[in-house]
Amino acid sequence: MNIIADETSKCSEIVICFHWMWNASLNPFSNCEPAVWRYYDNVDNIMIEDAFRAGETHAILDEYTIDFKHQIQICNIDQNKQRPIKRLECTTKDQTMRAERFAFDLINPKRPFSGLYGWIPPFIKETVKYLKITKDQLPSKDKDIASMIVAKAAAGIIEQSKLIGKQRQGENLAERLLEKKDAGTEEIWKQCAFLYSLDSFLYRKMNEAMRLVGDDEYKEEWRQKVRLLGPFCLLLWDSPFSKTAAPRGKVFYRGADLNDDLISIFKDDCDKEVKPRRSFQSFTSCSRQKNIAKVYGNVLFIMTMKHGFTVNLKPYSKFPDEEEELIFPGVCFTIDRMKFDENAKKYYIYLSLMQQFSRKFICPSFSASFQ
């Protein structure tokens, strides 16, 4: 059974899947050294598996060419650099958890969170302005507009991929998105959720840009990414399924590796009698499984929902056992308490999540939010 978007509806079942690996040993062809096998990332793995199933002799990636006959990868810029590869059959239950996906990757080392910007995140507002659409033309409300935004999102993904040497990955992601261009808003969103759930440059670069919101030093940098990544971001944010808030009291987990200065910033907030309200301006992937998130870093965030919007990505992910929950950008939080576990050598930081954080930031109408 192939692990592509059409199979995500079955991800709650135990299904057979295939992972490709490459030998990362210092001397990869040596019989005297133990092999060190590493996985290809999700998008490359899909590209390799698709080519293999199609009976092709090679799969061409951005950095390597996969030779199925000789079971090797060949460097695209130096054919003398070769390494053995192998195809591993497993089930969704056997897959290695992607602990780094549930960890904060701080882009600005001096600023672990953002301020308050209202119900609609600034990155979304700028995207709406760029697309020149109204509140009645959001993709969840207008299928023709949704199709137009899909086309712009696909073009932006490809352009971004060229900037970082990932053009083949970008073309693959764009092609999969365009497959749903005229399938209706719900199918478009499901495909966006699937693509976001993959370990690729797309979710990384999109969130890197969004995390810069609010920092004057990087204002132009994140705004420059609106044209490339904003359309996809809007498609994901404007979910046709997120009409009600997440259940109150629901708990999510996310790890982090923070230095002492950043930990002190959280401590300062926590020690204040009146807890300041902060926000996450990017999409934030969490797990409902504590054991998955706590693997990474020296900090574990334990986040309890008071009022806010999230989406369960499990039905759309090919890693269903990660139980990924996506917290939408703009959700705010307070730092309620902190403790240090001497045995685990890890800080536990308890956050309360909320969306409607202050009357002064709640817009009287949705259209006003975009002004």
Protein backbone atom coordinates (compact mmCIF):
# COMPACT_ATOMS: atom_id res chain seq x y z
CA MET A 1 0.00 0.00 0.00
CA ASN A 2 1.52 3.30 -1.05
CA ILE A 3 1.98 6.00 1.56
CA ILE A 4 0.67 9.03 -0.32
CA ALA A 5 -2.20 11.41 0.26
CA ASP A 6 -4.88 9.05 -1.03
CA GLU A 7 -4.04 6.63 1.77
CA THR A 8 -4.25 9.07 4.65
CA SER A 9 -7.87 8.18 5.33
CA LYS A 10 -6.68 4.72 6.34
CA CYS A 11 -3.92 5.89 8.62
CA SER A 12 -5.71 4.72 11.76
CA GLU A 13 -5.20 1.16 10.55
CA ILE A 14 -1.93 -0.74 10.66
CA VAL A 15 -0.76 -0.68 7.06
CA ILE A 16 2.35 -1.79 5.25
CA CYS A 17 4.68 1.01 4.18
CA PHE A 18 8.19 1.26 2.81
CA HIS A 19 11.11 3.40 3.85
CA TRP A 20 14.32 3.91 1.91
CA MET A 21 17.62 4.27 3.73
CA TRP A 22 21.20 5.15 2.85
CA ASN A 23 24.46 4.01 4.44
CA ALA A 24 26.00 6.96 6.27
CA SER A 25 29.14 5.10 7.41
CA LEU A 26 32.56 6.69 6.90
CA ASN A 27 33.43 3.78 4.61
CA PRO A 28 29.99 2.77 3.29
CA PHE A 29 31.18 -0.19 1.20
CA SER A 30 33.40 -1.68 3.92
CA ASN A 31 32.55 -5.12 5.26
CA CYS A 32 34.66 -4.49 8.35
CA GLU A 33 32.70 -1.57 9.76
CA PRO A 34 29.14 -1.65 11.08
CA ALA A 35 26.71 0.07 8.74
CA VAL A 36 25.01 3.26 9.88
CA TRP A 37 21.67 3.48 8.11
CA ARG A 38 19.73 6.73 7.88
CA TYR A 39 16.27 7.44 6.50
CA TYR A 40 15.59 9.70 3.55
CA ASP A 41 13.23 12.50 4.45
CA ASN A 42 9.53 12.05 3.76
CA VAL A 43 9.30 13.75 0.37
CA ASP A 44 12.45 12.11 -1.02
CA ASN A 45 11.17 8.77 0.26
CA ILE A 46 7.88 9.25 -1.58
CA MET A 47 9.71 10.23 -4.78
CA ILE A 48 11.97 7.17 -4.56
CA GLU A 49 9.10 4.79 -3.81
CA ASP A 50 6.94 6.20 -6.61
CA ALA A 51 9.77 5.72 -9.12
CA PHE A 52 10.44 2.22 -7.83
CA ARG A 53 6.79 1.19 -8.10
CA ALA A 54 6.58 2.67 -11.58
CA GLY A 55 9.37 0.35 -12.69
CA GLU A 56 11.82 3.14 -13.41
CA THR A 57 15.55 2.43 -13.33
CA HIS A 58 16.42 5.60 -11.43
CA ALA A 59 14.90 8.21 -9.13
CA ILE A 60 16.37 11.68 -9.44
CA LEU A 61 16.43 13.75 -6.26
CA ASP A 62 17.81 17.24 -5.71
CA GLU A 63 21.20 16.05 -4.48
CA TYR A 64 21.35 12.41 -5.50
CA THR A 65 20.30 9.93 -8.15
CA ILE A 66 19.00 6.58 -6.91
CA ASP A 67 20.14 3.59 -8.98
CA PHE A 68 17.68 0.77 -8.29
CA LYS A 69 19.60 -1.89 -10.22
CA HIS A 70 22.82 -1.43 -8.27
CA GLN A 71 21.12 -0.31 -5.03
CA ILE A 72 23.21 2.83 -4.65
CA GLN A 73 22.78 6.57 -4.41
CA ILE A 74 25.03 8.69 -6.62
CA CYS A 75 25.91 12.31 -5.88
CA ASN A 76 24.58 14.52 -8.67
CA ILE A 77 27.68 16.74 -8.73
CA ASP A 78 30.29 14.01 -8.22
CA GLN A 79 29.43 10.56 -9.56
CA ASN A 80 32.37 9.06 -7.67
CA LYS A 81 30.53 9.70 -4.41
CA GLN A 82 28.27 6.69 -4.00
CA ARG A 83 26.59 4.95 -1.08
CA PRO A 84 24.55 1.77 -0.68
CA ILE A 85 20.80 2.08 -0.19
CA LYS A 86 18.09 -0.32 0.93
CA ARG A 87 14.32 -0.56 1.05
CA LEU A 88 12.78 -1.41 4.40
CA GLU A 89 9.28 -2.85 4.76
CA CYS A 90 7.47 -1.92 7.95
CA THR A 91 4.07 -0.98 9.30
CA THR A 92 2.83 2.37 10.50
CA LYS A 93 3.28 1.04 14.05
CA ASP A 94 6.99 0.40 13.40
CA GLN A 95 7.88 3.84 12.11
CA THR A 96 10.46 5.91 13.95
CA MET A 97 8.87 8.88 15.68
CA ARG A 98 10.03 12.28 14.43
CA ALA A 99 10.82 13.83 17.81
CA GLU A 100 12.31 16.97 16.23
CA ARG A 101 8.93 17.77 14.66
CA PHE A 102 7.52 18.35 18.14
CA ALA A 103 10.32 20.66 19.26
CA PHE A 104 10.60 24.43 19.09
CA ASP A 105 13.14 25.57 16.54
CA LEU A 106 13.91 29.12 17.57
CA ILE A 107 14.74 31.35 14.62
CA ASN A 108 15.40 34.43 16.73
CA PRO A 109 17.67 33.35 19.62
CA LYS A 110 16.66 36.35 21.73
CA ARG A 111 12.91 36.02 21.35
CA PRO A 112 11.16 32.71 22.12
CA PHE A 113 7.61 34.04 21.65
CA SER A 114 5.62 36.92 20.15
CA GLY A 115 3.32 39.66 21.40
CA LEU A 116 -0.42 40.09 20.89
CA TYR A 117 -1.67 40.85 17.38
CA GLY A 118 -5.36 39.97 17.41
CA TRP A 119 -7.49 37.11 16.18
CA ILE A 120 -6.04 37.15 12.67
CA PRO A 121 -2.25 36.59 12.52
CA PRO A 122 -0.27 39.35 10.72
CA PHE A 123 1.14 36.84 8.23
CA ILE A 124 -2.41 35.88 7.23
CA LYS A 125 -3.48 39.53 6.99
CA GLU A 126 -0.56 40.32 4.68
CA THR A 127 -1.38 37.28 2.55
CA VAL A 128 -5.00 38.40 2.17
CA LYS A 129 -3.78 41.85 1.10
CA TYR A 130 -1.35 40.31 -1.38
CA LEU A 131 -4.11 38.15 -2.90
CA LYS A 132 -6.53 41.10 -2.96
CA ILE A 133 -9.44 39.08 -1.62
CA THR A 134 -12.25 39.96 0.78
CA LYS A 135 -13.64 38.15 3.81
CA ASP A 136 -16.25 36.52 1.54
CA GLN A 137 -13.57 35.21 -0.79
CA LEU A 138 -11.61 33.14 1.70
CA PRO A 139 -10.83 29.66 0.31
CA SER A 140 -13.23 27.91 2.70
CA LYS A 141 -16.11 30.02 1.31
CA ASP A 142 -15.34 30.28 -2.41
CA LYS A 143 -14.18 27.24 -4.39
CA ASP A 144 -13.12 29.35 -7.38
CA ILE A 145 -10.96 31.54 -5.18
CA ALA A 146 -9.62 28.39 -3.51
CA SER A 147 -8.53 27.06 -6.91
CA MET A 148 -6.80 30.35 -7.69
CA ILE A 149 -4.97 30.30 -4.36
CA VAL A 150 -3.89 26.69 -4.94
CA ALA A 151 -2.25 27.75 -8.20
CA LYS A 152 -0.44 30.61 -6.48
CA ALA A 153 0.56 28.34 -3.58
CA ALA A 154 2.02 25.76 -5.97
CA ALA A 155 3.99 28.43 -7.83
CA GLY A 156 5.26 29.85 -4.55
CA ILE A 157 6.36 26.44 -3.29
CA ILE A 158 8.37 25.84 -6.46
CA GLU A 159 9.98 29.29 -6.32
CA GLN A 160 10.91 28.81 -2.66
CA SER A 161 12.34 25.36 -3.40
CA LYS A 162 14.64 26.81 -6.08
CA LEU A 163 16.06 29.27 -3.56
CA ILE A 164 17.24 26.47 -1.27
CA GLY A 165 18.28 23.82 -3.80
CA LYS A 166 15.17 21.67 -3.34
CA GLN A 167 13.49 22.19 -6.71
CA ARG A 168 12.56 18.55 -7.30
CA GLN A 169 11.01 18.33 -3.85
CA GLY A 170 9.15 21.56 -4.50
CA GLU A 171 7.84 20.36 -7.85
CA ASN A 172 6.65 17.13 -6.24
CA LEU A 173 4.81 18.98 -3.46
CA ALA A 174 3.32 21.46 -5.93
CA GLU A 175 2.15 18.67 -8.23
CA ARG A 176 0.36 16.93 -5.36
CA LEU A 177 -1.32 20.16 -4.33
CA LEU A 178 -2.44 20.91 -7.89
CA GLU A 179 -4.02 17.44 -8.10
CA LYS A 180 -6.73 18.78 -5.75
CA LYS A 181 -7.06 22.22 -7.36
CA ASP A 182 -10.64 21.68 -8.55
CA ALA A 183 -11.68 19.08 -5.97
CA GLY A 184 -13.39 21.52 -3.61
CA THR A 185 -12.32 23.32 -0.45
CA GLU A 186 -12.43 20.31 1.87
CA GLU A 187 -10.25 18.12 -0.36
CA ILE A 188 -7.84 21.01 -0.91
CA TRP A 189 -7.48 21.50 2.82
CA LYS A 190 -6.95 17.78 3.45
CA GLN A 191 -4.15 17.77 0.89
CA CYS A 192 -2.60 20.84 2.52
CA ALA A 193 -2.74 19.08 5.89
CA PHE A 194 -1.06 16.01 4.39
CA LEU A 195 1.69 18.08 2.75
CA TYR A 196 2.27 20.02 5.96
CA SER A 197 2.58 16.77 7.92
CA LEU A 198 5.54 15.69 5.78
CA ASP A 199 9.10 16.32 6.90
CA SER A 200 10.05 18.82 4.20
CA PHE A 201 11.33 22.33 3.63
CA LEU A 202 7.74 23.56 3.26
CA TYR A 203 6.62 23.44 6.87
CA ARG A 204 10.06 24.54 8.07
CA LYS A 205 10.38 27.62 5.84
CA MET A 206 6.78 28.65 6.37
CA ASN A 207 7.11 28.59 10.14
CA GLU A 208 10.55 30.19 10.06
CA ALA A 209 9.02 33.21 8.35
CA MET A 210 5.98 33.38 10.63
CA ARG A 211 8.10 33.24 13.80
CA LEU A 212 9.77 36.50 12.78
CA VAL A 213 6.47 38.39 13.02
CA GLY A 214 6.68 41.18 15.58
CA ASP A 215 10.43 41.71 15.37
CA ASP A 216 11.19 45.01 13.63
CA GLU A 217 14.65 43.76 12.70
CA TYR A 218 13.12 41.03 10.51
CA LYS A 219 9.97 42.80 9.34
CA GLU A 220 10.94 42.96 5.68
CA GLU A 221 12.31 39.42 5.75
CA TRP A 222 9.04 37.76 6.76
CA ARG A 223 6.97 40.03 4.51
CA GLN A 224 9.07 38.96 1.53
CA LYS A 225 7.95 35.38 2.18
CA VAL A 226 4.24 36.27 1.98
CA ARG A 227 4.21 36.02 -1.81
CA LEU A 228 5.95 32.61 -1.81
CA LEU A 229 4.49 30.87 1.24
CA GLY A 230 1.47 32.97 2.19
CA PRO A 231 -1.01 31.30 -0.19
CA PHE A 232 -0.27 27.82 1.18
CA CYS A 233 -0.34 29.21 4.72
CA LEU A 234 -3.79 30.73 4.11
CA LEU A 235 -5.14 27.46 2.69
CA LEU A 236 -3.99 25.61 5.80
CA TRP A 237 -5.15 28.28 8.24
CA ASP A 238 -8.63 28.67 6.73
CA SER A 239 -9.72 25.15 7.56
CA PRO A 240 -13.33 24.31 6.64
CA PHE A 241 -13.32 21.88 9.56
CA SER A 242 -12.27 24.29 12.35
CA LYS A 243 -15.62 25.83 13.19
CA THR A 244 -15.51 25.03 16.90
CA ALA A 245 -12.79 25.50 19.49
CA ALA A 246 -10.72 22.62 20.83
CA PRO A 247 -12.12 20.97 23.98
CA ARG A 248 -11.30 22.87 27.15
CA GLY A 249 -8.71 21.04 29.25
CA LYS A 250 -7.13 19.18 26.34
CA VAL A 251 -3.38 18.78 26.88
CA PHE A 252 -0.63 18.92 24.25
CA TYR A 253 3.12 18.45 24.51
CA ARG A 254 6.11 19.95 22.74
CA GLY A 255 9.84 19.81 23.47
CA ALA A 256 12.61 22.38 23.16
CA ASP A 257 16.33 22.77 23.68
CA LEU A 258 16.75 26.19 25.31
CA ASN A 259 19.81 27.95 26.68
CA ASP A 260 19.87 29.52 30.14
CA ASP A 261 19.00 32.99 28.85
CA LEU A 262 15.84 31.78 27.13
CA ILE A 263 14.81 29.72 30.14
CA SER A 264 15.22 32.87 32.23
CA ILE A 265 12.79 34.71 29.95
CA PHE A 266 10.14 32.09 30.68
CA LYS A 267 10.96 32.21 34.40
CA ASP A 268 10.56 35.99 34.49
CA ASP A 269 7.08 35.72 32.98
CA CYS A 270 6.15 32.88 35.29
CA ASP A 271 7.19 34.80 38.42
CA LYS A 272 5.01 37.82 37.68
CA GLU A 273 1.84 38.18 39.73
CA VAL A 274 -0.15 39.18 36.66
CA LYS A 275 0.82 36.71 33.97
CA PRO A 276 1.71 38.39 30.65
CA ARG A 277 -0.02 36.99 27.60
CA ARG A 278 2.19 35.91 24.71
CA SER A 279 1.51 34.25 21.37
CA PHE A 280 2.83 31.75 18.88
CA GLN A 281 2.65 33.31 15.40
CA SER A 282 3.50 30.13 13.51
CA PHE A 283 1.71 26.83 13.17
CA THR A 284 2.79 24.78 16.17
CA SER A 285 2.94 21.00 15.93
CA CYS A 286 2.35 19.24 19.23
CA SER A 287 1.70 15.68 20.24
CA ARG A 288 -1.03 14.33 22.44
CA GLN A 289 1.55 11.76 23.56
CA LYS A 290 3.91 13.03 26.26
CA ASN A 291 6.45 10.29 25.59
CA ILE A 292 6.97 11.50 22.02
CA ALA A 293 7.55 15.17 22.83
CA LYS A 294 9.75 14.62 25.88
CA VAL A 295 12.41 12.78 23.86
CA TYR A 296 13.82 16.04 22.54
CA GLY A 297 15.71 18.79 24.36
CA ASN A 298 15.98 20.04 27.93
CA VAL A 299 12.48 21.54 28.13
CA LEU A 300 9.03 20.01 27.87
CA PHE A 301 6.08 22.35 27.34
CA ILE A 302 2.84 21.03 28.80
CA MET A 303 0.04 23.05 27.22
CA THR A 304 -3.55 22.99 28.45
CA MET A 305 -6.26 24.42 26.22
CA LYS A 306 -8.61 27.01 27.70
CA HIS A 307 -10.01 28.35 24.44
CA GLY A 308 -8.47 28.12 21.00
CA PHE A 309 -8.43 26.39 17.66
CA THR A 310 -6.42 23.32 16.80
CA VAL A 311 -6.74 20.52 14.27
CA ASN A 312 -5.98 16.84 14.64
CA LEU A 313 -3.55 15.89 11.86
CA LYS A 314 -3.64 12.17 12.63
CA PRO A 315 -6.18 11.36 9.86
CA TYR A 316 -3.99 13.09 7.27
CA SER A 317 -0.50 12.06 8.40
CA LYS A 318 1.44 8.98 7.40
CA PHE A 319 2.81 8.97 10.96
CA PRO A 320 -0.50 8.48 12.79
CA ASP A 321 1.07 7.20 16.01
CA GLU A 322 2.68 10.59 16.57
CA GLU A 323 -0.85 11.90 17.27
CA GLU A 324 0.07 15.31 15.88
CA GLU A 325 -2.15 18.21 16.85
CA LEU A 326 -1.69 21.51 15.03
CA ILE A 327 -2.14 24.69 17.05
CA PHE A 328 -3.13 27.55 14.79
CA PRO A 329 -1.04 30.75 14.62
CA GLY A 330 -2.26 33.52 16.87
CA VAL A 331 -3.20 31.26 19.77
CA CYS A 332 -1.95 32.93 22.95
CA PHE A 333 -0.68 31.60 26.22
CA THR A 334 0.33 32.39 29.77
CA ILE A 335 3.18 30.69 31.60
CA ASP A 336 1.49 29.26 34.67
CA ARG A 337 4.33 27.43 36.40
CA MET A 338 7.72 25.80 35.91
CA LYS A 339 9.62 23.02 37.60
CA PHE A 340 12.94 21.27 37.08
CA ASP A 341 13.17 17.48 37.13
CA GLU A 342 16.58 16.55 38.55
CA ASN A 343 16.37 12.97 37.33
CA ALA A 344 15.44 13.84 33.76
CA LYS A 345 17.53 17.06 33.78
CA LYS A 346 14.60 18.75 32.12
CA TYR A 347 12.42 21.79 32.74
CA TYR A 348 8.66 21.35 32.65
CA ILE A 349 6.91 24.56 31.59
CA TYR A 350 3.13 24.65 31.97
CA LEU A 351 1.21 26.90 29.58
CA SER A 352 -2.47 27.80 29.31
CA LEU A 353 -3.63 28.34 25.73
CA MET A 354 -6.37 30.72 24.69
CA GLN A 355 -7.54 32.51 21.54
CA GLN A 356 -9.79 35.35 22.73
CA PHE A 357 -7.33 36.95 25.04
CA SER A 358 -8.45 40.57 25.38
CA ARG A 359 -11.47 42.65 24.38
CA LYS A 360 -9.21 45.27 22.90
CA PHE A 361 -7.97 42.70 20.40
CA ILE A 362 -11.31 41.07 19.55
CA CYS A 363 -12.51 42.63 16.31
CA PRO A 364 -16.23 43.53 16.00
CA SER A 365 -16.42 41.76 12.66
CA PHE A 366 -14.31 39.35 10.70
CA SER A 367 -13.86 41.86 7.90
CA ALA A 368 -12.50 44.42 10.33
CA SER A 369 -9.81 41.95 11.31
CA PHE A 370 -8.26 42.28 7.87
CA GLN A 371 -8.13 46.08 7.89
